[in-house]
Amino acid sequence: FRVREFSDGSSFIKYLNSEKPDLVVLDLMLTDADGFEICKYMKRK
């Protein structure tokens, strides 16, 4: 698989503004973001 790694939610959100992964493996308790909020963001797009 091609893998893109992100150690924080903000860099992942920036990536989502220009790219679309086929699958996301997401930690729900990130230090800078709430994984549930990232899921909600993705659902709205």
PDB file of all heavy atoms in Angstrom:
ATOM      1  N   PHE A   1       0.851  -1.182   0.000  1.00  0.00           N
ATOM      2  CA  PHE A   1       0.000   0.000   0.000  1.00  0.00           C
ATOM      3  C   PHE A   1       0.888   1.234   0.000  1.00  0.00           C
ATOM      4  O   PHE A   1       1.995   1.226   0.529  1.00  0.00           O
ATOM      5  CB  PHE A   1      -0.899   0.042   1.243  1.00  0.00           C
ATOM      6  CG  PHE A   1      -1.956  -1.012   1.257  1.00  0.00           C
ATOM      7  CD1 PHE A   1      -1.809  -2.162   2.007  1.00  0.00           C
ATOM      8  CD2 PHE A   1      -3.108  -0.858   0.497  1.00  0.00           C
ATOM      9  CE1 PHE A   1      -2.787  -3.139   2.016  1.00  0.00           C
ATOM     10  CE2 PHE A   1      -4.097  -1.823   0.496  1.00  0.00           C
ATOM     11  CZ  PHE A   1      -3.929  -2.970   1.261  1.00  0.00           C
ATOM     12  N   ARG A   2       0.396   2.305  -0.611  1.00  0.00           N
ATOM     13  CA  ARG A   2       1.049   3.604  -0.484  1.00  0.00           C
ATOM     14  C   ARG A   2       0.571   4.195   0.838  1.00  0.00           C
ATOM     15  O   ARG A   2      -0.625   4.206   1.099  1.00  0.00           O
ATOM     16  CB  ARG A   2       0.673   4.530  -1.625  1.00  0.00           C
ATOM     17  CG  ARG A   2       1.453   4.239  -2.883  1.00  0.00           C
ATOM     18  CD  ARG A   2       1.122   5.217  -3.947  1.00  0.00           C
ATOM     19  NE  ARG A   2      -0.244   4.878  -4.378  1.00  0.00           N
ATOM     20  CZ  ARG A   2      -0.998   5.613  -5.154  1.00  0.00           C
ATOM     21  NH1 ARG A   2      -0.569   6.763  -5.604  1.00  0.00           N
ATOM     22  NH2 ARG A   2      -2.199   5.223  -5.506  1.00  0.00           N
ATOM     23  N   VAL A   3       1.485   4.659   1.646  1.00  0.00           N
ATOM     24  CA  VAL A   3       1.131   5.133   2.982  1.00  0.00           C
ATOM     25  C   VAL A   3       1.558   6.591   3.139  1.00  0.00           C
ATOM     26  O   VAL A   3       2.668   6.963   2.782  1.00  0.00           O
ATOM     27  CB  VAL A   3       1.809   4.266   4.073  1.00  0.00           C
ATOM     28  CG1 VAL A   3       1.487   4.802   5.461  1.00  0.00           C
ATOM     29  CG2 VAL A   3       1.384   2.811   3.936  1.00  0.00           C
ATOM     30  N   ARG A   4       0.657   7.389   3.656  1.00  0.00           N
ATOM     31  CA  ARG A   4       0.958   8.764   4.048  1.00  0.00           C
ATOM     32  C   ARG A   4       0.836   8.815   5.561  1.00  0.00           C
ATOM     33  O   ARG A   4      -0.185   8.405   6.116  1.00  0.00           O
ATOM     34  CB  ARG A   4      -0.037   9.746   3.419  1.00  0.00           C
ATOM     35  CG  ARG A   4       0.054   9.865   1.913  1.00  0.00           C
ATOM     36  CD  ARG A   4       1.365  10.468   1.431  1.00  0.00           C
ATOM     37  NE  ARG A   4       1.758  11.657   2.176  1.00  0.00           N
ATOM     38  CZ  ARG A   4       1.613  12.895   1.762  1.00  0.00           C
ATOM     39  NH1 ARG A   4       1.087  13.150   0.589  1.00  0.00           N
ATOM     40  NH2 ARG A   4       1.992  13.905   2.520  1.00  0.00           N
ATOM     41  N   GLU A   5       1.871   9.280   6.241  1.00  0.00           N
ATOM     42  CA  GLU A   5       1.905   9.311   7.701  1.00  0.00           C
ATOM     43  C   GLU A   5       1.692  10.734   8.217  1.00  0.00           C
ATOM     44  O   GLU A   5       2.275  11.673   7.686  1.00  0.00           O
ATOM     45  CB  GLU A   5       3.256   8.806   8.209  1.00  0.00           C
ATOM     46  CG  GLU A   5       3.549   7.382   7.844  1.00  0.00           C
ATOM     47  CD  GLU A   5       4.939   6.964   8.299  1.00  0.00           C
ATOM     48  OE1 GLU A   5       5.708   7.795   8.831  1.00  0.00           O
ATOM     49  OE2 GLU A   5       5.268   5.780   8.090  1.00  0.00           O
ATOM     50  N   PHE A   6       0.896  10.832   9.284  1.00  0.00           N
ATOM     51  CA  PHE A   6       0.635  12.121   9.922  1.00  0.00           C
ATOM     52  C   PHE A   6       0.677  11.943  11.430  1.00  0.00           C
ATOM     53  O   PHE A   6       0.007  11.055  11.971  1.00  0.00           O
ATOM     54  CB  PHE A   6      -0.738  12.671   9.500  1.00  0.00           C
ATOM     55  CG  PHE A   6      -0.857  12.845   8.026  1.00  0.00           C
ATOM     56  CD1 PHE A   6      -1.365  11.822   7.238  1.00  0.00           C
ATOM     57  CD2 PHE A   6      -0.420  14.004   7.415  1.00  0.00           C
ATOM     58  CE1 PHE A   6      -1.448  11.955   5.857  1.00  0.00           C
ATOM     59  CE2 PHE A   6      -0.491  14.149   6.039  1.00  0.00           C
ATOM     60  CZ  PHE A   6      -1.012  13.124   5.263  1.00  0.00           C
ATOM     61  N   SER A   7       1.457  12.782  12.093  1.00  0.00           N
ATOM     62  CA  SER A   7       1.579  12.674  13.548  1.00  0.00           C
ATOM     63  C   SER A   7       0.688  13.680  14.278  1.00  0.00           C
ATOM     64  O   SER A   7       0.709  13.745  15.498  1.00  0.00           O
ATOM     65  CB  SER A   7       3.037  12.857  13.978  1.00  0.00           C
ATOM     66  OG  SER A   7       3.522  14.091  13.536  1.00  0.00           O
ATOM     67  N   ASP A   8      -0.097  14.444  13.519  1.00  0.00           N
ATOM     68  CA  ASP A   8      -1.029  15.387  14.144  1.00  0.00           C
ATOM     69  C   ASP A   8      -2.218  15.629  13.216  1.00  0.00           C
ATOM     70  O   ASP A   8      -2.143  15.410  12.016  1.00  0.00           O
ATOM     71  CB  ASP A   8      -0.336  16.708  14.491  1.00  0.00           C
ATOM     72  CG  ASP A   8       0.265  17.376  13.278  1.00  0.00           C
ATOM     73  OD1 ASP A   8      -0.508  17.962  12.503  1.00  0.00           O
ATOM     74  OD2 ASP A   8       1.495  17.287  13.104  1.00  0.00           O
ATOM     75  N   GLY A   9      -3.294  16.067  13.813  1.00  0.00           N
ATOM     76  CA  GLY A   9      -4.521  16.285  13.065  1.00  0.00           C
ATOM     77  C   GLY A   9      -4.462  17.448  12.096  1.00  0.00           C
ATOM     78  O   GLY A   9      -5.029  17.385  11.001  1.00  0.00           O
ATOM     79  N   SER A  10      -3.747  18.502  12.457  1.00  0.00           N
ATOM     80  CA  SER A  10      -3.724  19.687  11.594  1.00  0.00           C
ATOM     81  C   SER A  10      -3.023  19.414  10.263  1.00  0.00           C
ATOM     82  O   SER A  10      -3.480  19.861   9.212  1.00  0.00           O
ATOM     83  CB  SER A  10      -3.100  20.877  12.307  1.00  0.00           C
ATOM     84  OG  SER A  10      -1.792  20.572  12.723  1.00  0.00           O
ATOM     85  N   SER A  11      -1.927  18.680  10.285  1.00  0.00           N
ATOM     86  CA  SER A  11      -1.248  18.364   9.020  1.00  0.00           C
ATOM     87  C   SER A  11      -2.096  17.405   8.178  1.00  0.00           C
ATOM     88  O   SER A  11      -2.092  17.487   6.946  1.00  0.00           O
ATOM     89  CB  SER A  11       0.144  17.791   9.261  1.00  0.00           C
ATOM     90  OG  SER A  11       0.086  16.582   9.979  1.00  0.00           O
ATOM     91  N   PHE A  12      -2.846  16.542   8.834  1.00  0.00           N
ATOM     92  CA  PHE A  12      -3.740  15.641   8.098  1.00  0.00           C
ATOM     93  C   PHE A  12      -4.865  16.423   7.419  1.00  0.00           C
ATOM     94  O   PHE A  12      -5.192  16.171   6.258  1.00  0.00           O
ATOM     95  CB  PHE A  12      -4.309  14.568   9.033  1.00  0.00           C
ATOM     96  CG  PHE A  12      -5.279  13.650   8.364  1.00  0.00           C
ATOM     97  CD1 PHE A  12      -4.901  12.882   7.272  1.00  0.00           C
ATOM     98  CD2 PHE A  12      -6.586  13.542   8.822  1.00  0.00           C
ATOM     99  CE1 PHE A  12      -5.803  12.024   6.639  1.00  0.00           C
ATOM    100  CE2 PHE A  12      -7.481  12.691   8.211  1.00  0.00           C
ATOM    101  CZ  PHE A  12      -7.097  11.936   7.118  1.00  0.00           C
ATOM    102  N   ILE A  13      -5.439  17.390   8.117  1.00  0.00           N
ATOM    103  CA  ILE A  13      -6.498  18.223   7.529  1.00  0.00           C
ATOM    104  C   ILE A  13      -5.958  18.985   6.321  1.00  0.00           C
ATOM    105  O   ILE A  13      -6.627  19.074   5.285  1.00  0.00           O
ATOM    106  CB  ILE A  13      -7.091  19.194   8.577  1.00  0.00           C
ATOM    107  CG1 ILE A  13      -7.838  18.426   9.662  1.00  0.00           C
ATOM    108  CG2 ILE A  13      -7.995  20.233   7.921  1.00  0.00           C
ATOM    109  CD1 ILE A  13      -9.112  17.755   9.223  1.00  0.00           C
ATOM    110  N   LYS A  14      -4.755  19.524   6.416  1.00  0.00           N
ATOM    111  CA  LYS A  14      -4.148  20.220   5.272  1.00  0.00           C
ATOM    112  C   LYS A  14      -4.008  19.273   4.083  1.00  0.00           C
ATOM    113  O   LYS A  14      -4.270  19.648   2.941  1.00  0.00           O
ATOM    114  CB  LYS A  14      -2.782  20.787   5.650  1.00  0.00           C
ATOM    115  CG  LYS A  14      -2.851  21.987   6.536  1.00  0.00           C
ATOM    116  CD  LYS A  14      -1.466  22.484   6.874  1.00  0.00           C
ATOM    117  CE  LYS A  14      -1.538  23.593   7.895  1.00  0.00           C
ATOM    118  NZ  LYS A  14      -0.208  24.024   8.333  1.00  0.00           N
ATOM    119  N   TYR A  15      -3.579  18.053   4.350  1.00  0.00           N
ATOM    120  CA  TYR A  15      -3.453  17.040   3.300  1.00  0.00           C
ATOM    121  C   TYR A  15      -4.808  16.773   2.641  1.00  0.00           C
ATOM    122  O   TYR A  15      -4.904  16.675   1.419  1.00  0.00           O
ATOM    123  CB  TYR A  15      -2.884  15.753   3.918  1.00  0.00           C
ATOM    124  CG  TYR A  15      -3.020  14.516   3.083  1.00  0.00           C
ATOM    125  CD1 TYR A  15      -2.158  14.263   2.017  1.00  0.00           C
ATOM    126  CD2 TYR A  15      -3.995  13.570   3.369  1.00  0.00           C
ATOM    127  CE1 TYR A  15      -2.272  13.113   1.259  1.00  0.00           C
ATOM    128  CE2 TYR A  15      -4.119  12.412   2.620  1.00  0.00           C
ATOM    129  CZ  TYR A  15      -3.254  12.191   1.565  1.00  0.00           C
ATOM    130  OH  TYR A  15      -3.373  11.048   0.816  1.00  0.00           O
ATOM    131  N   LEU A  16      -5.866  16.692   3.449  1.00  0.00           N
ATOM    132  CA  LEU A  16      -7.202  16.414   2.911  1.00  0.00           C
ATOM    133  C   LEU A  16      -7.716  17.516   2.003  1.00  0.00           C
ATOM    134  O   LEU A  16      -8.595  17.286   1.180  1.00  0.00           O
ATOM    135  CB  LEU A  16      -8.207  16.190   4.052  1.00  0.00           C
ATOM    136  CG  LEU A  16      -8.052  14.914   4.859  1.00  0.00           C
ATOM    137  CD1 LEU A  16      -9.084  14.891   5.978  1.00  0.00           C
ATOM    138  CD2 LEU A  16      -8.192  13.685   3.970  1.00  0.00           C
ATOM    139  N   ASN A  17      -7.182  18.711   2.139  1.00  0.00           N
ATOM    140  CA  ASN A  17      -7.605  19.815   1.275  1.00  0.00           C
ATOM    141  C   ASN A  17      -7.096  19.669  -0.145  1.00  0.00           C
ATOM    142  O   ASN A  17      -7.611  20.313  -1.054  1.00  0.00           O
ATOM    143  CB  ASN A  17      -7.178  21.150   1.865  1.00  0.00           C
ATOM    144  CG  ASN A  17      -7.980  21.495   3.092  1.00  0.00           C
ATOM    145  OD1 ASN A  17      -9.165  21.209   3.169  1.00  0.00           O
ATOM    146  ND2 ASN A  17      -7.338  22.091   4.071  1.00  0.00           N
ATOM    147  N   SER A  18      -6.089  18.801  -0.342  1.00  0.00           N
ATOM    148  CA  SER A  18      -5.550  18.632  -1.691  1.00  0.00           C
ATOM    149  C   SER A  18      -5.523  17.188  -2.178  1.00  0.00           C
ATOM    150  O   SER A  18      -5.388  16.946  -3.371  1.00  0.00           O
ATOM    151  CB  SER A  18      -4.132  19.209  -1.763  1.00  0.00           C
ATOM    152  OG  SER A  18      -3.287  18.514  -0.871  1.00  0.00           O
ATOM    153  N   GLU A  19      -5.652  16.236  -1.273  1.00  0.00           N
ATOM    154  CA  GLU A  19      -5.578  14.822  -1.632  1.00  0.00           C
ATOM    155  C   GLU A  19      -6.754  14.058  -1.033  1.00  0.00           C
ATOM    156  O   GLU A  19      -7.371  14.507  -0.072  1.00  0.00           O
ATOM    157  CB  GLU A  19      -4.274  14.200  -1.110  1.00  0.00           C
ATOM    158  CG  GLU A  19      -3.024  14.850  -1.633  1.00  0.00           C
ATOM    159  CD  GLU A  19      -2.768  14.569  -3.109  1.00  0.00           C
ATOM    160  OE1 GLU A  19      -3.167  13.483  -3.586  1.00  0.00           O
ATOM    161  OE2 GLU A  19      -2.181  15.436  -3.768  1.00  0.00           O
ATOM    162  N   LYS A  20      -7.016  12.879  -1.615  1.00  0.00           N
ATOM    163  CA  LYS A  20      -8.090  12.030  -1.093  1.00  0.00           C
ATOM    164  C   LYS A  20      -7.554  10.604  -0.931  1.00  0.00           C
ATOM    165  O   LYS A  20      -7.336   9.907  -1.916  1.00  0.00           O
ATOM    166  CB  LYS A  20      -9.277  12.031  -2.049  1.00  0.00           C
ATOM    167  CG  LYS A  20     -10.416  11.181  -1.562  1.00  0.00           C
ATOM    168  CD  LYS A  20     -11.540  11.137  -2.554  1.00  0.00           C
ATOM    169  CE  LYS A  20     -12.536  10.109  -2.100  1.00  0.00           C
ATOM    170  NZ  LYS A  20     -13.122   9.389  -3.187  1.00  0.00           N
ATOM    171  N   PRO A  21      -7.330  10.165   0.314  1.00  0.00           N
ATOM    172  CA  PRO A  21      -6.857   8.795   0.510  1.00  0.00           C
ATOM    173  C   PRO A  21      -7.990   7.801   0.264  1.00  0.00           C
ATOM    174  O   PRO A  21      -9.176   8.160   0.313  1.00  0.00           O
ATOM    175  CB  PRO A  21      -6.431   8.782   1.974  1.00  0.00           C
ATOM    176  CG  PRO A  21      -7.301   9.806   2.619  1.00  0.00           C
ATOM    177  CD  PRO A  21      -7.502  10.876   1.568  1.00  0.00           C
ATOM    178  N   ASP A  22      -7.628   6.563   0.012  1.00  0.00           N
ATOM    179  CA  ASP A  22      -8.641   5.518  -0.159  1.00  0.00           C
ATOM    180  C   ASP A  22      -9.155   5.017   1.182  1.00  0.00           C
ATOM    181  O   ASP A  22     -10.290   4.546   1.281  1.00  0.00           O
ATOM    182  CB  ASP A  22      -8.044   4.351  -0.953  1.00  0.00           C
ATOM    183  CG  ASP A  22      -7.637   4.785  -2.344  1.00  0.00           C
ATOM    184  OD1 ASP A  22      -8.543   5.125  -3.134  1.00  0.00           O
ATOM    185  OD2 ASP A  22      -6.434   4.811  -2.633  1.00  0.00           O
ATOM    186  N   LEU A  23      -8.316   5.113   2.200  1.00  0.00           N
ATOM    187  CA  LEU A  23      -8.655   4.644   3.544  1.00  0.00           C
ATOM    188  C   LEU A  23      -7.889   5.491   4.548  1.00  0.00           C
ATOM    189  O   LEU A  23      -6.770   5.928   4.268  1.00  0.00           O
ATOM    190  CB  LEU A  23      -8.260   3.167   3.712  1.00  0.00           C
ATOM    191  CG  LEU A  23      -8.426   2.540   5.086  1.00  0.00           C
ATOM    192  CD1 LEU A  23      -9.907   2.328   5.404  1.00  0.00           C
ATOM    193  CD2 LEU A  23      -7.692   1.204   5.150  1.00  0.00           C
ATOM    194  N   VAL A  24      -8.476   5.693   5.733  1.00  0.00           N
ATOM    195  CA  VAL A  24      -7.814   6.441   6.798  1.00  0.00           C
ATOM    196  C   VAL A  24      -7.788   5.566   8.049  1.00  0.00           C
ATOM    197  O   VAL A  24      -8.810   5.029   8.459  1.00  0.00           O
ATOM    198  CB  VAL A  24      -8.555   7.759   7.116  1.00  0.00           C
ATOM    199  CG1 VAL A  24      -7.891   8.492   8.273  1.00  0.00           C
ATOM    200  CG2 VAL A  24      -8.627   8.637   5.879  1.00  0.00           C
ATOM    201  N   VAL A  25      -6.602   5.418   8.641  1.00  0.00           N
ATOM    202  CA  VAL A  25      -6.452   4.787   9.952  1.00  0.00           C
ATOM    203  C   VAL A  25      -6.195   5.939  10.911  1.00  0.00           C
ATOM    204  O   VAL A  25      -5.155   6.603  10.835  1.00  0.00           O
ATOM    205  CB  VAL A  25      -5.288   3.769   9.982  1.00  0.00           C
ATOM    206  CG1 VAL A  25      -5.143   3.165  11.367  1.00  0.00           C
ATOM    207  CG2 VAL A  25      -5.504   2.678   8.934  1.00  0.00           C
ATOM    208  N   LEU A  26      -7.159   6.198  11.795  1.00  0.00           N
ATOM    209  CA  LEU A  26      -7.175   7.440  12.565  1.00  0.00           C
ATOM    210  C   LEU A  26      -7.217   7.176  14.063  1.00  0.00           C
ATOM    211  O   LEU A  26      -8.110   6.492  14.557  1.00  0.00           O
ATOM    212  CB  LEU A  26      -8.409   8.256  12.152  1.00  0.00           C
ATOM    213  CG  LEU A  26      -8.699   9.551  12.875  1.00  0.00           C
ATOM    214  CD1 LEU A  26      -7.591  10.564  12.650  1.00  0.00           C
ATOM    215  CD2 LEU A  26     -10.041  10.108  12.421  1.00  0.00           C
ATOM    216  N   ASP A  27      -6.248   7.745  14.782  1.00  0.00           N
ATOM    217  CA  ASP A  27      -6.258   7.749  16.241  1.00  0.00           C
ATOM    218  C   ASP A  27      -7.324   8.757  16.671  1.00  0.00           C
ATOM    219  O   ASP A  27      -7.346   9.889  16.188  1.00  0.00           O
ATOM    220  CB  ASP A  27      -4.883   8.163  16.754  1.00  0.00           C
ATOM    221  CG  ASP A  27      -4.770   8.170  18.268  1.00  0.00           C
ATOM    222  OD1 ASP A  27      -5.733   7.779  18.955  1.00  0.00           O
ATOM    223  OD2 ASP A  27      -3.712   8.579  18.765  1.00  0.00           O
ATOM    224  N   LEU A  28      -8.207   8.352  17.557  1.00  0.00           N
ATOM    225  CA  LEU A  28      -9.286   9.249  17.968  1.00  0.00           C
ATOM    226  C   LEU A  28      -8.852  10.258  19.025  1.00  0.00           C
ATOM    227  O   LEU A  28      -9.496  11.277  19.212  1.00  0.00           O
ATOM    228  CB  LEU A  28     -10.485   8.446  18.477  1.00  0.00           C
ATOM    229  CG  LEU A  28     -11.163   7.584  17.423  1.00  0.00           C
ATOM    230  CD1 LEU A  28     -12.305   6.803  18.043  1.00  0.00           C
ATOM    231  CD2 LEU A  28     -11.653   8.426  16.267  1.00  0.00           C
ATOM    232  N   MET A  29      -7.748   9.979  19.725  1.00  0.00           N
ATOM    233  CA  MET A  29      -7.297  10.876  20.792  1.00  0.00           C
ATOM    234  C   MET A  29      -5.939  11.465  20.431  1.00  0.00           C
ATOM    235  O   MET A  29      -4.905  11.076  20.974  1.00  0.00           O
ATOM    236  CB  MET A  29      -7.242  10.127  22.124  1.00  0.00           C
ATOM    237  CG  MET A  29      -8.605   9.647  22.556  1.00  0.00           C
ATOM    238  SD  MET A  29      -8.728   8.881  24.193  1.00  0.00           S
ATOM    239  CE  MET A  29      -7.156   8.218  24.544  1.00  0.00           C
ATOM    240  N   LEU A  30      -5.931  12.397  19.511  1.00  0.00           N
ATOM    241  CA  LEU A  30      -4.717  13.094  19.117  1.00  0.00           C
ATOM    242  C   LEU A  30      -4.454  14.242  20.072  1.00  0.00           C
ATOM    243  O   LEU A  30      -5.390  14.775  20.678  1.00  0.00           O
ATOM    244  CB  LEU A  30      -4.857  13.626  17.690  1.00  0.00           C
ATOM    245  CG  LEU A  30      -5.062  12.572  16.607  1.00  0.00           C
ATOM    246  CD1 LEU A  30      -5.540  13.222  15.325  1.00  0.00           C
ATOM    247  CD2 LEU A  30      -3.782  11.792  16.387  1.00  0.00           C
ATOM    248  N   THR A  31      -3.202  14.652  20.190  1.00  0.00           N
ATOM    249  CA  THR A  31      -2.887  15.744  21.111  1.00  0.00           C
ATOM    250  C   THR A  31      -3.410  17.091  20.640  1.00  0.00           C
ATOM    251  O   THR A  31      -3.751  17.946  21.455  1.00  0.00           O
ATOM    252  CB  THR A  31      -1.360  15.848  21.331  1.00  0.00           C
ATOM    253  OG1 THR A  31      -0.720  15.961  20.069  1.00  0.00           O
ATOM    254  CG2 THR A  31      -0.830  14.651  22.079  1.00  0.00           C
ATOM    255  N   ASP A  32      -3.499  17.294  19.329  1.00  0.00           N
ATOM    256  CA  ASP A  32      -3.918  18.611  18.823  1.00  0.00           C
ATOM    257  C   ASP A  32      -5.318  18.616  18.214  1.00  0.00           C
ATOM    258  O   ASP A  32      -5.777  19.651  17.764  1.00  0.00           O
ATOM    259  CB  ASP A  32      -2.922  19.117  17.785  1.00  0.00           C
ATOM    260  CG  ASP A  32      -3.034  18.382  16.463  1.00  0.00           C
ATOM    261  OD1 ASP A  32      -3.393  17.185  16.481  1.00  0.00           O
ATOM    262  OD2 ASP A  32      -2.770  18.989  15.421  1.00  0.00           O
ATOM    263  N   ALA A  33      -5.977  17.461  18.161  1.00  0.00           N
ATOM    264  CA  ALA A  33      -7.293  17.403  17.515  1.00  0.00           C
ATOM    265  C   ALA A  33      -8.086  16.227  18.065  1.00  0.00           C
ATOM    266  O   ALA A  33      -7.527  15.273  18.596  1.00  0.00           O
ATOM    267  CB  ALA A  33      -7.126  17.268  16.007  1.00  0.00           C
ATOM    268  N   ASP A  34      -9.370  16.298  17.905  1.00  0.00           N
ATOM    269  CA  ASP A  34     -10.278  15.218  18.277  1.00  0.00           C
ATOM    270  C   ASP A  34     -10.568  14.399  17.021  1.00  0.00           C
ATOM    271  O   ASP A  34     -11.046  14.936  16.018  1.00  0.00           O
ATOM    272  CB  ASP A  34     -11.560  15.840  18.834  1.00  0.00           C
ATOM    273  CG  ASP A  34     -12.597  14.821  19.261  1.00  0.00           C
ATOM    274  OD1 ASP A  34     -12.561  13.670  18.794  1.00  0.00           O
ATOM    275  OD2 ASP A  34     -13.464  15.189  20.065  1.00  0.00           O
ATOM    276  N   GLY A  35     -10.252  13.126  17.053  1.00  0.00           N
ATOM    277  CA  GLY A  35     -10.477  12.265  15.897  1.00  0.00           C
ATOM    278  C   GLY A  35     -11.928  12.245  15.442  1.00  0.00           C
ATOM    279  O   GLY A  35     -12.210  12.144  14.247  1.00  0.00           O
ATOM    280  N   PHE A  36     -12.857  12.367  16.380  1.00  0.00           N
ATOM    281  CA  PHE A  36     -14.272  12.403  16.009  1.00  0.00           C
ATOM    282  C   PHE A  36     -14.583  13.658  15.192  1.00  0.00           C
ATOM    283  O   PHE A  36     -15.377  13.615  14.250  1.00  0.00           O
ATOM    284  CB  PHE A  36     -15.166  12.339  17.250  1.00  0.00           C
ATOM    285  CG  PHE A  36     -15.135  11.001  17.932  1.00  0.00           C
ATOM    286  CD1 PHE A  36     -14.526  10.856  19.158  1.00  0.00           C
ATOM    287  CD2 PHE A  36     -15.706   9.888  17.338  1.00  0.00           C
ATOM    288  CE1 PHE A  36     -14.486   9.632  19.792  1.00  0.00           C
ATOM    289  CE2 PHE A  36     -15.674   8.656  17.951  1.00  0.00           C
ATOM    290  CZ  PHE A  36     -15.062   8.521  19.190  1.00  0.00           C
ATOM    291  N   GLU A  37     -13.965  14.780  15.555  1.00  0.00           N
ATOM    292  CA  GLU A  37     -14.172  16.016  14.803  1.00  0.00           C
ATOM    293  C   GLU A  37     -13.588  15.898  13.391  1.00  0.00           C
ATOM    294  O   GLU A  37     -14.147  16.424  12.431  1.00  0.00           O
ATOM    295  CB  GLU A  37     -13.568  17.215  15.537  1.00  0.00           C
ATOM    296  CG  GLU A  37     -14.306  17.586  16.795  1.00  0.00           C
ATOM    297  CD  GLU A  37     -15.762  17.933  16.554  1.00  0.00           C
ATOM    298  OE1 GLU A  37     -16.074  18.627  15.557  1.00  0.00           O
ATOM    299  OE2 GLU A  37     -16.607  17.493  17.357  1.00  0.00           O
ATOM    300  N   ILE A  38     -12.469  15.210  13.259  1.00  0.00           N
ATOM    301  CA  ILE A  38     -11.893  14.984  11.933  1.00  0.00           C
ATOM    302  C   ILE A  38     -12.843  14.132  11.097  1.00  0.00           C
ATOM    303  O   ILE A  38     -13.063  14.414   9.918  1.00  0.00           O
ATOM    304  CB  ILE A  38     -10.501  14.333  12.041  1.00  0.00           C
ATOM    305  CG1 ILE A  38      -9.511  15.330  12.652  1.00  0.00           C
ATOM    306  CG2 ILE A  38     -10.015  13.861  10.673  1.00  0.00           C
ATOM    307  CD1 ILE A  38      -8.151  14.759  12.959  1.00  0.00           C
ATOM    308  N   CYS A  39     -13.443  13.120  11.710  1.00  0.00           N
ATOM    309  CA  CYS A  39     -14.434  12.293  10.990  1.00  0.00           C
ATOM    310  C   CYS A  39     -15.620  13.141  10.538  1.00  0.00           C
ATOM    311  O   CYS A  39     -16.093  13.004   9.404  1.00  0.00           O
ATOM    312  CB  CYS A  39     -14.923  11.151  11.878  1.00  0.00           C
ATOM    313  SG  CYS A  39     -13.739   9.828  12.128  1.00  0.00           S
ATOM    314  N   LYS A  40     -16.100  14.000  11.397  1.00  0.00           N
ATOM    315  CA  LYS A  40     -17.220  14.884  11.047  1.00  0.00           C
ATOM    316  C   LYS A  40     -16.834  15.811   9.891  1.00  0.00           C
ATOM    317  O   LYS A  40     -17.630  16.042   8.980  1.00  0.00           O
ATOM    318  CB  LYS A  40     -17.662  15.707  12.256  1.00  0.00           C
ATOM    319  CG  LYS A  40     -18.363  14.889  13.315  1.00  0.00           C
ATOM    320  CD  LYS A  40     -18.709  15.759  14.506  1.00  0.00           C
ATOM    321  CE  LYS A  40     -19.255  14.940  15.647  1.00  0.00           C
ATOM    322  NZ  LYS A  40     -19.509  15.752  16.850  1.00  0.00           N
ATOM    323  N   TYR A  41     -15.616  16.341   9.945  1.00  0.00           N
ATOM    324  CA  TYR A  41     -15.116  17.196   8.869  1.00  0.00           C
ATOM    325  C   TYR A  41     -15.133  16.436   7.547  1.00  0.00           C
ATOM    326  O   TYR A  41     -15.576  16.958   6.521  1.00  0.00           O
ATOM    327  CB  TYR A  41     -13.702  17.670   9.219  1.00  0.00           C
ATOM    328  CG  TYR A  41     -12.994  18.374   8.090  1.00  0.00           C
ATOM    329  CD1 TYR A  41     -13.247  19.713   7.823  1.00  0.00           C
ATOM    330  CD2 TYR A  41     -12.077  17.696   7.288  1.00  0.00           C
ATOM    331  CE1 TYR A  41     -12.597  20.367   6.783  1.00  0.00           C
ATOM    332  CE2 TYR A  41     -11.425  18.333   6.247  1.00  0.00           C
ATOM    333  CZ  TYR A  41     -11.689  19.665   6.000  1.00  0.00           C
ATOM    334  OH  TYR A  41     -11.052  20.301   4.971  1.00  0.00           O
ATOM    335  N   MET A  42     -14.660  15.203   7.569  1.00  0.00           N
ATOM    336  CA  MET A  42     -14.626  14.391   6.352  1.00  0.00           C
ATOM    337  C   MET A  42     -16.036  14.107   5.831  1.00  0.00           C
ATOM    338  O   MET A  42     -16.268  14.108   4.625  1.00  0.00           O
ATOM    339  CB  MET A  42     -13.870  13.089   6.607  1.00  0.00           C
ATOM    340  CG  MET A  42     -12.376  13.289   6.821  1.00  0.00           C
ATOM    341  SD  MET A  42     -11.506  11.767   7.230  1.00  0.00           S
ATOM    342  CE  MET A  42     -11.718  10.853   5.693  1.00  0.00           C
ATOM    343  N   LYS A  43     -16.977  13.866   6.709  1.00  0.00           N
ATOM    344  CA  LYS A  43     -18.362  13.599   6.292  1.00  0.00           C
ATOM    345  C   LYS A  43     -18.989  14.815   5.626  1.00  0.00           C
ATOM    346  O   LYS A  43     -19.811  14.691   4.724  1.00  0.00           O
ATOM    347  CB  LYS A  43     -19.219  13.173   7.496  1.00  0.00           C
ATOM    348  CG  LYS A  43     -19.024  11.750   7.897  1.00  0.00           C
ATOM    349  CD  LYS A  43     -19.605  10.863   6.847  1.00  0.00           C
ATOM    350  CE  LYS A  43     -19.543   9.420   7.263  1.00  0.00           C
ATOM    351  NZ  LYS A  43     -19.798   8.525   6.167  1.00  0.00           N
ATOM    352  N   ARG A  44     -18.620  16.016   6.086  1.00  0.00           N
ATOM    353  CA  ARG A  44     -19.181  17.247   5.515  1.00  0.00           C
ATOM    354  C   ARG A  44     -18.637  17.541   4.121  1.00  0.00           C
ATOM    355  O   ARG A  44     -19.284  18.220   3.332  1.00  0.00           O
ATOM    356  CB  ARG A  44     -18.897  18.436   6.432  1.00  0.00           C
ATOM    357  CG  ARG A  44     -19.717  18.445   7.692  1.00  0.00           C
ATOM    358  CD  ARG A  44     -19.592  19.765   8.436  1.00  0.00           C
ATOM    359  NE  ARG A  44     -18.240  20.120   8.798  1.00  0.00           N
ATOM    360  CZ  ARG A  44     -17.651  19.858   9.957  1.00  0.00           C
ATOM    361  NH1 ARG A  44     -18.315  19.221  10.902  1.00  0.00           N
ATOM    362  NH2 ARG A  44     -16.413  20.243  10.195  1.00  0.00           N
ATOM    363  N   LYS A  45     -17.441  17.048   3.824  1.00  0.00           N
ATOM    364  CA  LYS A  45     -16.839  17.288   2.508  1.00  0.00           C
ATOM    365  C   LYS A  45     -17.335  16.222   1.530  1.00  0.00           C
ATOM    366  O   LYS A  45     -17.102  15.037   1.742  1.00  0.00           O
ATOM    367  CB  LYS A  45     -15.311  17.265   2.597  1.00  0.00           C
ATOM    368  CG  LYS A  45     -14.749  18.463   3.329  1.00  0.00           C
ATOM    369  CD  LYS A  45     -13.261  18.583   3.172  1.00  0.00           C
ATOM    370  CE  LYS A  45     -12.858  18.694   1.772  1.00  0.00           C
ATOM    371  NZ  LYS A  45     -12.133  19.826   1.320  1.00  0.00           N
TER     372      LYS A  45
END
